Amino acid sequence: MYLCILIQECNSLYIMRNNNVLGFVIILVSFLFASSVTAQENDLLSPSRNDLKITMLYLGSGSTRVTYERAFNELNSGEVTVGIIGLGWDWMNHSDPSGLLLKFAYKWRLVCQDRANSMLGGLYVKPELVFADFRYRDKKNTSGEPSKCPARTNQIALLAECGYQLVVNWFVFDIYMGLGPSVGNGNQNNYFHSFMLFPKETVLAFTAGYRIGVNF
């Protein structure tokens, strides 16, 4: 019930149109940068355990995602990602998505980054559970081709991912890729705002991307 309420609330945020997205991202990045600088000034001797990241690449597919990560120790951390599907520019499918994306992951750092004053850098592996619930609304295509607008999509994936997170002072750069099984009702676009099925007819999901953010 609570998940349904959360989905409905996120769908209501769809009134924020594309001309507000850039401003939202700029304000978010500015706030994260200011928070990071303040935290580091207050405690310079303590290694940072937290970061906030945004997934820039997926703004071009019609969604905005923010990830919070907390290090439990030098080798392990947890991640939670919340994505608003519809807050972005959907250049990929020429359609108008609206919905919610949730991701939960647990990281094991295989090789730590020694030079950073942070517990968050290094080579890692992680299992990640992904849940996407969204629908497309019709949108005119400037190329004249018909838009692909499937019915409501519910899709779940359990992905095994590997990646590397670079931490330089306050700046965080995270690049990753992964595979895993996925179940759900699918859609004609074969795109779920965090992963794709590969090939389309199977249950094998593929994901890749990068994030930028700040640590504190």
N, C-alpha and C. Protein backbone atom coordinates (compact mmCIF):
# COMPACT_ATOMS: atom_id res chain seq x y z
N MET A 1 0.83 -1.20 0.00
CA MET A 1 0.00 0.00 0.00
C MET A 1 0.87 1.26 0.00
N TYR A 2 1.90 1.26 0.88
CA TYR A 2 2.77 2.43 0.96
C TYR A 2 3.51 2.67 -0.35
N LEU A 3 3.90 1.56 -1.03
CA LEU A 3 4.60 1.70 -2.31
C LEU A 3 3.67 2.31 -3.35
N CYS A 4 2.40 1.90 -3.36
CA CYS A 4 1.43 2.46 -4.30
C CYS A 4 1.24 3.95 -4.07
N ILE A 5 1.16 4.35 -2.78
CA ILE A 5 1.02 5.77 -2.45
C ILE A 5 2.22 6.56 -2.93
N LEU A 6 3.44 5.97 -2.72
CA LEU A 6 4.66 6.65 -3.14
C LEU A 6 4.70 6.80 -4.65
N ILE A 7 4.26 5.76 -5.37
CA ILE A 7 4.23 5.83 -6.83
C ILE A 7 3.28 6.92 -7.30
N GLN A 8 2.09 7.00 -6.67
CA GLN A 8 1.12 8.02 -7.05
C GLN A 8 1.65 9.41 -6.79
N GLU A 9 2.37 9.58 -5.66
CA GLU A 9 2.93 10.90 -5.35
C GLU A 9 4.00 11.29 -6.35
N CYS A 10 4.84 10.32 -6.74
CA CYS A 10 5.89 10.62 -7.72
C CYS A 10 5.27 10.92 -9.09
N ASN A 11 4.20 10.20 -9.43
CA ASN A 11 3.53 10.47 -10.70
C ASN A 11 2.97 11.89 -10.72
N SER A 12 2.52 12.37 -9.56
CA SER A 12 1.97 13.73 -9.50
C SER A 12 3.04 14.78 -9.74
N LEU A 13 4.32 14.42 -9.51
CA LEU A 13 5.42 15.35 -9.75
C LEU A 13 5.67 15.59 -11.23
N TYR A 14 4.95 14.86 -12.06
CA TYR A 14 5.16 14.95 -13.50
C TYR A 14 4.82 16.34 -14.05
N ILE A 15 4.11 17.14 -13.25
CA ILE A 15 3.76 18.49 -13.70
C ILE A 15 5.00 19.36 -13.86
N MET A 16 6.13 18.92 -13.29
CA MET A 16 7.39 19.63 -13.50
C MET A 16 7.86 19.31 -14.91
N ARG A 17 7.76 20.25 -15.81
CA ARG A 17 8.06 20.02 -17.22
C ARG A 17 9.56 20.12 -17.47
N ASN A 18 9.94 19.86 -18.74
CA ASN A 18 11.35 19.76 -19.09
C ASN A 18 12.13 21.05 -18.85
N ASN A 19 11.49 22.21 -18.97
CA ASN A 19 12.22 23.45 -18.76
C ASN A 19 12.58 23.68 -17.31
N ASN A 20 12.07 22.86 -16.39
CA ASN A 20 12.43 22.97 -14.98
C ASN A 20 13.51 21.99 -14.58
N VAL A 21 13.82 21.03 -15.45
CA VAL A 21 14.75 19.97 -15.10
C VAL A 21 16.16 20.50 -14.90
N LEU A 22 16.62 21.34 -15.82
CA LEU A 22 17.98 21.86 -15.73
C LEU A 22 18.17 22.66 -14.44
N GLY A 23 17.19 23.48 -14.11
CA GLY A 23 17.27 24.24 -12.87
C GLY A 23 17.31 23.35 -11.65
N PHE A 24 16.52 22.27 -11.68
CA PHE A 24 16.52 21.31 -10.57
C PHE A 24 17.89 20.68 -10.39
N VAL A 25 18.51 20.28 -11.48
CA VAL A 25 19.83 19.63 -11.41
C VAL A 25 20.88 20.61 -10.91
N ILE A 26 20.85 21.85 -11.39
CA ILE A 26 21.83 22.86 -10.96
C ILE A 26 21.69 23.13 -9.46
N ILE A 27 20.46 23.29 -9.00
CA ILE A 27 20.24 23.53 -7.57
C ILE A 27 20.72 22.35 -6.74
N LEU A 28 20.42 21.12 -7.21
CA LEU A 28 20.83 19.93 -6.48
C LEU A 28 22.34 19.83 -6.37
N VAL A 29 23.04 20.03 -7.48
CA VAL A 29 24.50 19.93 -7.48
C VAL A 29 25.10 21.02 -6.59
N SER A 30 24.55 22.23 -6.65
CA SER A 30 25.05 23.32 -5.81
C SER A 30 24.87 23.02 -4.33
N PHE A 31 23.72 22.46 -3.99
CA PHE A 31 23.46 22.11 -2.60
C PHE A 31 24.41 21.01 -2.12
N LEU A 32 24.63 20.00 -2.95
CA LEU A 32 25.52 18.90 -2.57
C LEU A 32 26.95 19.39 -2.41
N PHE A 33 27.38 20.28 -3.30
CA PHE A 33 28.73 20.82 -3.21
C PHE A 33 28.91 21.62 -1.92
N ALA A 34 27.93 22.48 -1.61
CA ALA A 34 28.02 23.29 -0.40
C ALA A 34 28.02 22.42 0.86
N SER A 35 27.20 21.38 0.86
CA SER A 35 27.14 20.47 2.01
C SER A 35 28.46 19.75 2.20
N SER A 36 29.07 19.33 1.08
CA SER A 36 30.33 18.61 1.16
C SER A 36 31.44 19.50 1.70
N VAL A 37 31.54 20.73 1.21
CA VAL A 37 32.59 21.65 1.66
C VAL A 37 32.43 21.94 3.14
N THR A 38 31.20 22.17 3.58
CA THR A 38 30.95 22.45 4.99
C THR A 38 31.35 21.28 5.88
N ALA A 39 30.98 20.08 5.45
CA ALA A 39 31.30 18.89 6.24
C ALA A 39 32.80 18.67 6.34
N GLN A 40 33.52 18.89 5.24
CA GLN A 40 34.97 18.68 5.26
C GLN A 40 35.68 19.75 6.08
N GLU A 41 35.15 20.97 6.08
CA GLU A 41 35.75 22.02 6.90
C GLU A 41 35.57 21.74 8.38
N ASN A 42 34.45 21.12 8.74
CA ASN A 42 34.16 20.84 10.14
C ASN A 42 34.93 19.66 10.69
N ASP A 43 35.33 18.74 9.81
CA ASP A 43 35.99 17.53 10.29
C ASP A 43 37.01 17.06 9.26
N LEU A 44 38.15 17.74 9.19
CA LEU A 44 39.14 17.44 8.17
C LEU A 44 39.88 16.14 8.42
N LEU A 45 39.98 15.68 9.68
CA LEU A 45 40.77 14.51 10.00
C LEU A 45 40.00 13.21 9.85
N SER A 46 38.70 13.27 9.76
CA SER A 46 37.89 12.06 9.68
C SER A 46 37.59 11.72 8.22
N PRO A 47 37.86 10.48 7.78
CA PRO A 47 37.54 10.11 6.39
C PRO A 47 36.04 10.13 6.14
N SER A 48 35.65 10.58 4.96
CA SER A 48 34.23 10.68 4.64
C SER A 48 33.61 9.30 4.48
N ARG A 49 32.37 9.17 4.91
CA ARG A 49 31.64 7.91 4.85
C ARG A 49 30.40 7.99 3.95
N ASN A 50 30.04 9.17 3.47
CA ASN A 50 28.80 9.35 2.74
C ASN A 50 29.05 10.00 1.38
N ASP A 51 28.18 9.72 0.43
CA ASP A 51 28.18 10.48 -0.81
C ASP A 51 26.76 10.55 -1.38
N LEU A 52 26.55 11.57 -2.19
CA LEU A 52 25.32 11.75 -2.95
C LEU A 52 25.70 11.90 -4.42
N LYS A 53 25.02 11.15 -5.29
CA LYS A 53 25.38 11.12 -6.71
C LYS A 53 24.14 11.25 -7.56
N ILE A 54 24.31 11.82 -8.75
CA ILE A 54 23.25 11.85 -9.75
C ILE A 54 23.73 11.13 -11.00
N THR A 55 22.82 10.45 -11.68
CA THR A 55 23.14 9.68 -12.88
C THR A 55 22.83 10.56 -14.08
N MET A 56 23.84 11.25 -14.60
CA MET A 56 23.63 12.25 -15.64
C MET A 56 23.14 11.65 -16.95
N LEU A 57 23.65 10.48 -17.31
CA LEU A 57 23.36 9.90 -18.62
C LEU A 57 21.87 9.69 -18.84
N TYR A 58 21.15 9.34 -17.78
CA TYR A 58 19.76 8.96 -17.93
C TYR A 58 18.81 10.15 -17.96
N LEU A 59 19.32 11.37 -17.80
CA LEU A 59 18.48 12.54 -18.02
C LEU A 59 17.99 12.57 -19.46
N GLY A 60 18.77 11.99 -20.39
CA GLY A 60 18.41 11.97 -21.79
C GLY A 60 17.43 10.88 -22.16
N SER A 61 17.03 10.07 -21.19
CA SER A 61 16.04 9.02 -21.47
C SER A 61 14.77 9.22 -20.66
N GLY A 62 14.63 10.38 -20.07
CA GLY A 62 13.39 10.71 -19.41
C GLY A 62 13.30 10.40 -17.94
N SER A 63 14.42 10.37 -17.22
CA SER A 63 14.36 10.12 -15.78
C SER A 63 15.52 10.81 -15.07
N THR A 64 15.33 11.08 -13.79
CA THR A 64 16.36 11.68 -12.95
C THR A 64 16.55 10.80 -11.73
N ARG A 65 17.81 10.44 -11.42
CA ARG A 65 18.09 9.54 -10.31
C ARG A 65 19.10 10.15 -9.35
N VAL A 66 18.83 9.98 -8.06
CA VAL A 66 19.74 10.44 -7.01
C VAL A 66 20.08 9.24 -6.14
N THR A 67 21.37 9.05 -5.88
CA THR A 67 21.86 7.91 -5.10
C THR A 67 22.55 8.40 -3.83
N TYR A 68 22.18 7.80 -2.71
CA TYR A 68 22.88 8.04 -1.44
C TYR A 68 23.64 6.78 -1.06
N GLU A 69 24.92 6.95 -0.71
CA GLU A 69 25.76 5.82 -0.30
C GLU A 69 26.35 6.10 1.08
N ARG A 70 26.37 5.07 1.92
CA ARG A 70 26.94 5.16 3.27
C ARG A 70 27.92 4.02 3.47
N ALA A 71 29.16 4.34 3.84
CA ALA A 71 30.17 3.33 4.11
C ALA A 71 30.02 2.82 5.54
N PHE A 72 29.93 1.50 5.70
CA PHE A 72 29.87 0.90 7.04
C PHE A 72 31.27 0.73 7.61
N ASN A 73 32.23 0.46 6.72
CA ASN A 73 33.64 0.36 7.07
C ASN A 73 34.44 0.57 5.79
N GLU A 74 35.74 0.26 5.80
CA GLU A 74 36.58 0.51 4.63
C GLU A 74 36.24 -0.39 3.45
N LEU A 75 35.59 -1.52 3.69
CA LEU A 75 35.34 -2.50 2.62
C LEU A 75 33.88 -2.62 2.20
N ASN A 76 32.95 -2.11 3.00
CA ASN A 76 31.53 -2.33 2.72
C ASN A 76 30.73 -1.04 2.82
N SER A 77 29.72 -0.93 1.96
CA SER A 77 28.81 0.21 2.01
C SER A 77 27.48 -0.19 1.41
N GLY A 78 26.46 0.62 1.67
CA GLY A 78 25.13 0.40 1.11
C GLY A 78 24.70 1.59 0.28
N GLU A 79 23.87 1.33 -0.74
CA GLU A 79 23.38 2.38 -1.63
C GLU A 79 21.86 2.31 -1.76
N VAL A 80 21.24 3.46 -1.82
CA VAL A 80 19.81 3.57 -2.12
C VAL A 80 19.65 4.62 -3.21
N THR A 81 18.92 4.25 -4.26
CA THR A 81 18.68 5.15 -5.39
C THR A 81 17.19 5.37 -5.56
N VAL A 82 16.80 6.62 -5.69
CA VAL A 82 15.41 6.97 -6.01
C VAL A 82 15.41 7.71 -7.34
N GLY A 83 14.57 7.25 -8.26
CA GLY A 83 14.47 7.89 -9.57
C GLY A 83 13.06 8.33 -9.87
N ILE A 84 12.92 9.54 -10.38
CA ILE A 84 11.63 10.04 -10.84
C ILE A 84 11.60 9.92 -12.35
N ILE A 85 10.83 8.97 -12.85
CA ILE A 85 10.70 8.76 -14.29
C ILE A 85 9.72 9.79 -14.82
N GLY A 86 10.18 10.60 -15.74
CA GLY A 86 9.39 11.72 -16.25
C GLY A 86 10.05 13.05 -15.99
N LEU A 87 11.02 13.07 -15.08
CA LEU A 87 11.79 14.29 -14.81
C LEU A 87 13.09 14.20 -15.61
N GLY A 88 13.00 14.63 -16.88
CA GLY A 88 14.13 14.54 -17.79
C GLY A 88 13.68 14.73 -19.22
N TRP A 89 14.60 14.56 -20.17
CA TRP A 89 14.28 14.69 -21.59
C TRP A 89 14.31 13.31 -22.22
N ASP A 90 13.18 12.85 -22.75
CA ASP A 90 13.13 11.51 -23.34
C ASP A 90 13.47 11.58 -24.83
N TRP A 91 14.77 11.66 -25.14
CA TRP A 91 15.22 11.70 -26.52
C TRP A 91 15.27 10.31 -27.14
N MET A 92 15.24 9.27 -26.34
CA MET A 92 15.42 7.92 -26.85
C MET A 92 14.19 7.38 -27.55
N ASN A 93 13.03 7.47 -26.90
CA ASN A 93 11.84 6.78 -27.39
C ASN A 93 10.75 7.72 -27.90
N HIS A 94 10.99 9.02 -27.88
CA HIS A 94 10.00 10.00 -28.35
C HIS A 94 8.65 9.78 -27.69
N SER A 95 8.65 9.57 -26.41
CA SER A 95 7.42 9.37 -25.65
C SER A 95 7.56 10.06 -24.31
N ASP A 96 6.52 9.98 -23.51
CA ASP A 96 6.44 10.80 -22.31
C ASP A 96 6.28 9.90 -21.09
N PRO A 97 7.38 9.45 -20.45
CA PRO A 97 7.27 8.49 -19.35
C PRO A 97 6.90 9.17 -18.03
N SER A 98 6.28 8.41 -17.14
CA SER A 98 5.92 8.91 -15.82
C SER A 98 5.89 7.74 -14.85
N GLY A 99 6.65 7.83 -13.75
CA GLY A 99 6.66 6.74 -12.78
C GLY A 99 7.78 6.85 -11.77
N LEU A 100 8.14 5.70 -11.19
CA LEU A 100 9.09 5.64 -10.08
C LEU A 100 10.10 4.52 -10.30
N LEU A 101 11.34 4.78 -9.89
CA LEU A 101 12.41 3.79 -9.93
C LEU A 101 13.05 3.71 -8.55
N LEU A 102 13.26 2.49 -8.04
CA LEU A 102 13.94 2.28 -6.76
C LEU A 102 15.06 1.26 -6.94
N LYS A 103 16.21 1.52 -6.31
CA LYS A 103 17.34 0.61 -6.38
C LYS A 103 17.98 0.48 -5.00
N PHE A 104 18.35 -0.76 -4.65
CA PHE A 104 19.01 -1.05 -3.38
C PHE A 104 20.22 -1.92 -3.65
N ALA A 105 21.39 -1.54 -3.11
CA ALA A 105 22.61 -2.28 -3.40
C ALA A 105 23.50 -2.36 -2.15
N TYR A 106 24.33 -3.41 -2.12
CA TYR A 106 25.33 -3.58 -1.06
C TYR A 106 26.68 -3.78 -1.75
N LYS A 107 27.66 -2.94 -1.41
CA LYS A 107 28.96 -2.94 -2.07
C LYS A 107 30.03 -3.65 -1.26
N TRP A 108 30.87 -4.41 -1.97
CA TRP A 108 32.12 -4.94 -1.41
C TRP A 108 33.26 -4.33 -2.21
N ARG A 109 34.13 -3.59 -1.54
CA ARG A 109 35.27 -3.00 -2.21
C ARG A 109 36.42 -4.02 -2.25
N LEU A 110 36.80 -4.40 -3.46
CA LEU A 110 37.87 -5.37 -3.64
C LEU A 110 39.24 -4.73 -3.53
N VAL A 111 39.36 -3.52 -4.06
CA VAL A 111 40.61 -2.75 -3.99
C VAL A 111 40.24 -1.34 -3.56
N CYS A 112 40.73 -0.91 -2.41
CA CYS A 112 40.41 0.43 -1.90
C CYS A 112 41.30 1.47 -2.55
N GLN A 113 40.80 2.67 -2.68
CA GLN A 113 41.57 3.78 -3.20
C GLN A 113 42.34 4.44 -2.06
N ASP A 114 43.64 4.28 -2.07
CA ASP A 114 44.46 4.70 -0.94
C ASP A 114 44.60 6.21 -0.81
N ARG A 115 44.62 6.90 -1.94
CA ARG A 115 44.98 8.32 -1.88
C ARG A 115 43.84 9.22 -1.43
N ALA A 116 42.60 8.72 -1.41
CA ALA A 116 41.47 9.56 -1.04
C ALA A 116 41.24 9.55 0.46
N ASN A 117 40.89 10.69 1.00
CA ASN A 117 40.53 10.77 2.41
C ASN A 117 39.06 10.40 2.56
N SER A 118 38.76 9.16 2.14
CA SER A 118 37.38 8.69 2.09
C SER A 118 37.37 7.18 2.12
N MET A 119 36.30 6.62 2.66
CA MET A 119 36.11 5.17 2.66
C MET A 119 35.37 4.67 1.42
N LEU A 120 35.10 5.55 0.47
CA LEU A 120 34.17 5.23 -0.60
C LEU A 120 34.82 4.88 -1.93
N GLY A 121 36.12 5.12 -2.08
CA GLY A 121 36.76 4.94 -3.38
C GLY A 121 37.33 3.55 -3.57
N GLY A 122 37.39 3.12 -4.85
CA GLY A 122 38.03 1.86 -5.19
C GLY A 122 37.22 0.98 -6.12
N LEU A 123 37.80 -0.17 -6.43
CA LEU A 123 37.16 -1.18 -7.27
C LEU A 123 36.18 -2.00 -6.42
N TYR A 124 34.97 -2.24 -6.94
CA TYR A 124 33.94 -2.89 -6.13
C TYR A 124 33.08 -3.85 -6.95
N VAL A 125 32.39 -4.72 -6.23
CA VAL A 125 31.31 -5.53 -6.79
C VAL A 125 30.08 -5.32 -5.90
N LYS A 126 28.89 -5.51 -6.48
CA LYS A 126 27.67 -5.32 -5.68
C LYS A 126 26.49 -6.04 -6.32
N PRO A 127 25.63 -6.64 -5.49
CA PRO A 127 24.31 -7.05 -5.98
C PRO A 127 23.37 -5.85 -5.85
N GLU A 128 22.48 -5.71 -6.82
CA GLU A 128 21.55 -4.58 -6.80
C GLU A 128 20.16 -5.03 -7.20
N LEU A 129 19.19 -4.68 -6.38
CA LEU A 129 17.78 -4.96 -6.66
C LEU A 129 17.15 -3.70 -7.23
N VAL A 130 16.49 -3.84 -8.40
CA VAL A 130 15.92 -2.70 -9.11
C VAL A 130 14.43 -2.92 -9.31
N PHE A 131 13.63 -1.90 -9.01
CA PHE A 131 12.20 -1.95 -9.25
C PHE A 131 11.79 -0.72 -10.05
N ALA A 132 11.10 -0.93 -11.19
CA ALA A 132 10.63 0.17 -12.03
C ALA A 132 9.14 0.04 -12.26
N ASP A 133 8.42 1.12 -12.05
CA ASP A 133 6.98 1.16 -12.30
C ASP A 133 6.68 2.46 -13.03
N PHE A 134 6.22 2.36 -14.28
CA PHE A 134 5.97 3.58 -15.06
C PHE A 134 5.03 3.29 -16.22
N ARG A 135 4.58 4.37 -16.85
CA ARG A 135 3.79 4.27 -18.06
C ARG A 135 4.21 5.39 -19.01
N TYR A 136 3.88 5.24 -20.29
CA TYR A 136 4.18 6.27 -21.28
C TYR A 136 2.90 6.96 -21.71
N ARG A 137 3.00 8.27 -21.90
CA ARG A 137 1.90 9.01 -22.47
C ARG A 137 2.31 9.51 -23.85
N ASP A 138 1.38 9.58 -24.75
CA ASP A 138 1.67 9.89 -26.15
C ASP A 138 2.34 11.25 -26.27
N LYS A 139 3.31 11.32 -27.18
CA LYS A 139 4.02 12.57 -27.42
C LYS A 139 4.36 12.65 -28.90
N LYS A 140 4.17 13.81 -29.51
CA LYS A 140 4.41 13.95 -30.93
C LYS A 140 5.89 13.81 -31.25
N ASN A 141 6.17 13.14 -32.36
CA ASN A 141 7.53 12.89 -32.80
C ASN A 141 7.85 13.81 -33.96
N THR A 142 8.90 14.61 -33.86
CA THR A 142 9.24 15.56 -34.92
C THR A 142 9.68 14.86 -36.20
N SER A 143 10.13 13.60 -36.11
CA SER A 143 10.55 12.87 -37.30
C SER A 143 9.38 12.32 -38.10
N GLY A 144 8.18 12.38 -37.54
CA GLY A 144 7.01 11.88 -38.24
C GLY A 144 6.73 10.41 -37.99
N GLU A 145 7.63 9.70 -37.31
CA GLU A 145 7.40 8.29 -37.02
C GLU A 145 6.48 8.15 -35.81
N PRO A 146 5.69 7.07 -35.77
CA PRO A 146 4.79 6.89 -34.62
C PRO A 146 5.58 6.63 -33.34
N SER A 147 5.09 7.18 -32.22
CA SER A 147 5.72 6.97 -30.93
C SER A 147 5.43 5.58 -30.42
N LYS A 148 6.37 5.02 -29.67
CA LYS A 148 6.17 3.72 -29.03
C LYS A 148 5.65 3.98 -27.62
N CYS A 149 4.41 3.66 -27.39
CA CYS A 149 3.78 3.98 -26.11
C CYS A 149 3.11 2.75 -25.52
N PRO A 150 3.84 1.92 -24.81
CA PRO A 150 3.25 0.71 -24.23
C PRO A 150 2.38 1.03 -23.04
N ALA A 151 1.66 0.01 -22.58
CA ALA A 151 0.86 0.16 -21.38
C ALA A 151 1.77 0.25 -20.16
N ARG A 152 1.19 0.29 -18.99
CA ARG A 152 1.96 0.42 -17.76
C ARG A 152 2.95 -0.73 -17.62
N THR A 153 4.17 -0.40 -17.20
CA THR A 153 5.25 -1.37 -17.07
C THR A 153 5.63 -1.56 -15.61
N ASN A 154 5.71 -2.81 -15.17
CA ASN A 154 6.27 -3.17 -13.87
C ASN A 154 7.39 -4.17 -14.12
N GLN A 155 8.60 -3.86 -13.70
CA GLN A 155 9.74 -4.72 -13.97
C GLN A 155 10.68 -4.74 -12.77
N ILE A 156 11.18 -5.92 -12.44
CA ILE A 156 12.12 -6.11 -11.33
C ILE A 156 13.36 -6.82 -11.87
N ALA A 157 14.53 -6.40 -11.43
CA ALA A 157 15.78 -7.05 -11.83
C ALA A 157 16.69 -7.20 -10.62
N LEU A 158 17.46 -8.29 -10.61
CA LEU A 158 18.50 -8.51 -9.61
C LEU A 158 19.82 -8.60 -10.36
N LEU A 159 20.65 -7.56 -10.22
CA LEU A 159 21.83 -7.40 -11.05
C LEU A 159 23.11 -7.62 -10.25
N ALA A 160 24.06 -8.32 -10.86
CA ALA A 160 25.41 -8.44 -10.32
C ALA A 160 26.29 -7.45 -11.07
N GLU A 161 26.82 -6.45 -10.35
CA GLU A 161 27.53 -5.36 -11.00
C GLU A 161 28.96 -5.24 -10.48
N CYS A 162 29.81 -4.69 -11.34
CA CYS A 162 31.17 -4.33 -10.93
C CYS A 162 31.43 -2.91 -11.41
N GLY A 163 32.33 -2.22 -10.73
CA GLY A 163 32.62 -0.85 -11.12
C GLY A 163 33.79 -0.28 -10.37
N TYR A 164 34.08 0.96 -10.67
CA TYR A 164 35.15 1.66 -9.96
C TYR A 164 34.66 3.05 -9.59
N GLN A 165 34.90 3.42 -8.33
CA GLN A 165 34.51 4.73 -7.83
C GLN A 165 35.76 5.52 -7.48
N LEU A 166 35.92 6.66 -8.14
CA LEU A 166 37.06 7.54 -7.92
C LEU A 166 36.63 8.69 -7.03
N VAL A 167 37.39 8.93 -5.96
CA VAL A 167 37.11 10.03 -5.05
C VAL A 167 38.33 10.95 -5.02
N VAL A 168 38.14 12.21 -5.40
CA VAL A 168 39.20 13.22 -5.38
C VAL A 168 38.68 14.43 -4.60
N ASN A 169 39.21 14.60 -3.39
CA ASN A 169 38.73 15.64 -2.49
C ASN A 169 37.23 15.44 -2.27
N TRP A 170 36.39 16.40 -2.70
CA TRP A 170 34.95 16.28 -2.51
C TRP A 170 34.25 15.58 -3.68
N PHE A 171 34.95 15.43 -4.81
CA PHE A 171 34.32 14.96 -6.05
C PHE A 171 34.31 13.43 -6.12
N VAL A 172 33.18 12.87 -6.59
CA VAL A 172 33.01 11.42 -6.76
C VAL A 172 32.62 11.12 -8.20
N PHE A 173 33.33 10.16 -8.80
CA PHE A 173 32.97 9.66 -10.14
C PHE A 173 32.85 8.14 -10.05
N ASP A 174 31.70 7.62 -10.44
CA ASP A 174 31.39 6.20 -10.30
C ASP A 174 30.97 5.65 -11.65
N ILE A 175 31.66 4.63 -12.15
CA ILE A 175 31.32 3.99 -13.42
C ILE A 175 31.10 2.50 -13.16
N TYR A 176 30.09 1.90 -13.82
CA TYR A 176 29.70 0.54 -13.49
C TYR A 176 29.03 -0.16 -14.67
N MET A 177 28.92 -1.49 -14.57
CA MET A 177 28.15 -2.29 -15.52
C MET A 177 27.76 -3.60 -14.84
N GLY A 178 26.73 -4.27 -15.36
CA GLY A 178 26.29 -5.50 -14.72
C GLY A 178 25.25 -6.26 -15.51
N LEU A 179 25.00 -7.50 -15.08
CA LEU A 179 24.02 -8.40 -15.69
C LEU A 179 23.22 -9.08 -14.60
N GLY A 180 22.02 -9.58 -14.97
CA GLY A 180 21.23 -10.34 -14.01
C GLY A 180 19.85 -10.66 -14.56
N PRO A 181 19.09 -11.49 -13.84
CA PRO A 181 17.75 -11.85 -14.28
C PRO A 181 16.75 -10.74 -14.02
N SER A 182 15.70 -10.72 -14.84
CA SER A 182 14.65 -9.71 -14.70
C SER A 182 13.29 -10.34 -15.02
N VAL A 183 12.27 -9.94 -14.26
CA VAL A 183 10.91 -10.42 -14.49
C VAL A 183 9.96 -9.23 -14.47
N GLY A 184 8.83 -9.38 -15.18
CA GLY A 184 7.84 -8.32 -15.24
C GLY A 184 7.03 -8.41 -16.51
N ASN A 185 6.23 -7.40 -16.78
CA ASN A 185 5.39 -7.44 -17.97
C ASN A 185 6.05 -6.81 -19.19
N GLY A 186 7.25 -6.21 -19.02
CA GLY A 186 7.99 -5.70 -20.17
C GLY A 186 7.30 -4.54 -20.86
N ASN A 187 7.90 -4.07 -21.95
CA ASN A 187 7.26 -3.07 -22.80
C ASN A 187 7.90 -3.10 -24.19
N GLN A 188 7.27 -2.42 -25.14
CA GLN A 188 7.72 -2.45 -26.53
C GLN A 188 9.09 -1.81 -26.72
N ASN A 189 9.42 -0.86 -25.86
CA ASN A 189 10.70 -0.18 -26.00
C ASN A 189 11.87 -0.99 -25.46
N ASN A 190 11.59 -2.01 -24.64
CA ASN A 190 12.63 -2.82 -24.02
C ASN A 190 13.61 -1.96 -23.21
N TYR A 191 13.08 -0.96 -22.55
CA TYR A 191 13.91 -0.07 -21.76
C TYR A 191 13.18 0.24 -20.45
N PHE A 192 13.90 0.14 -19.32
CA PHE A 192 13.27 0.22 -18.01
C PHE A 192 13.92 1.27 -17.11
N HIS A 193 14.54 2.28 -17.74
CA HIS A 193 15.10 3.45 -17.06
C HIS A 193 16.20 3.10 -16.06
N SER A 194 16.76 1.90 -16.19
CA SER A 194 17.95 1.54 -15.44
C SER A 194 18.66 0.36 -16.11
N PHE A 195 17.93 -0.37 -16.93
CA PHE A 195 18.50 -1.54 -17.59
C PHE A 195 17.66 -1.88 -18.83
N MET A 196 18.23 -2.78 -19.66
CA MET A 196 17.54 -3.30 -20.84
C MET A 196 17.65 -4.82 -20.83
N LEU A 197 16.71 -5.50 -21.47
CA LEU A 197 16.81 -6.94 -21.64
C LEU A 197 17.70 -7.22 -22.84
N PHE A 198 18.57 -8.20 -22.72
CA PHE A 198 19.54 -8.48 -23.78
C PHE A 198 19.75 -9.99 -23.91
N PRO A 199 19.22 -10.61 -25.02
CA PRO A 199 18.37 -10.01 -26.05
C PRO A 199 16.98 -9.69 -25.49
N LYS A 200 16.16 -9.05 -26.32
CA LYS A 200 14.87 -8.55 -25.88
C LYS A 200 13.93 -9.66 -25.43
N GLU A 201 14.02 -10.84 -26.05
CA GLU A 201 13.09 -11.93 -25.77
C GLU A 201 13.44 -12.73 -24.53
N THR A 202 14.57 -12.46 -23.90
CA THR A 202 15.01 -13.24 -22.74
C THR A 202 14.71 -12.50 -21.44
N VAL A 203 15.14 -13.10 -20.32
CA VAL A 203 15.00 -12.45 -19.01
C VAL A 203 16.34 -11.92 -18.51
N LEU A 204 17.34 -11.86 -19.39
CA LEU A 204 18.66 -11.37 -18.99
C LEU A 204 18.71 -9.85 -19.13
N ALA A 205 18.98 -9.15 -18.03
CA ALA A 205 19.04 -7.69 -18.03
C ALA A 205 20.49 -7.23 -18.05
N PHE A 206 20.72 -6.11 -18.72
CA PHE A 206 22.05 -5.50 -18.81
C PHE A 206 21.95 -4.04 -18.39
N THR A 207 22.94 -3.59 -17.62
CA THR A 207 22.99 -2.19 -17.21
C THR A 207 24.42 -1.67 -17.29
N ALA A 208 24.57 -0.38 -17.51
CA ALA A 208 25.87 0.30 -17.52
C ALA A 208 25.61 1.79 -17.39
N GLY A 209 26.56 2.49 -16.82
CA GLY A 209 26.40 3.93 -16.70
C GLY A 209 27.46 4.55 -15.82
N TYR A 210 27.28 5.83 -15.54
CA TYR A 210 28.21 6.52 -14.64
C TYR A 210 27.43 7.56 -13.84
N ARG A 211 27.99 7.90 -12.69
CA ARG A 211 27.40 8.89 -11.79
C ARG A 211 28.48 9.90 -11.38
N ILE A 212 28.05 11.11 -11.08
CA ILE A 212 28.95 12.09 -10.47
C ILE A 212 28.27 12.61 -9.21
N GLY A 213 29.10 13.05 -8.26
CA GLY A 213 28.52 13.52 -7.01
C GLY A 213 29.56 14.09 -6.08
N VAL A 214 29.19 14.16 -4.81
CA VAL A 214 30.07 14.70 -3.77
C VAL A 214 30.11 13.75 -2.59
N ASN A 215 31.25 13.72 -1.89
CA ASN A 215 31.35 12.93 -0.66
C ASN A 215 31.47 13.86 0.54
N PHE A 216 31.03 13.39 1.69
CA PHE A 216 31.04 14.21 2.90
C PHE A 216 31.06 13.33 4.15
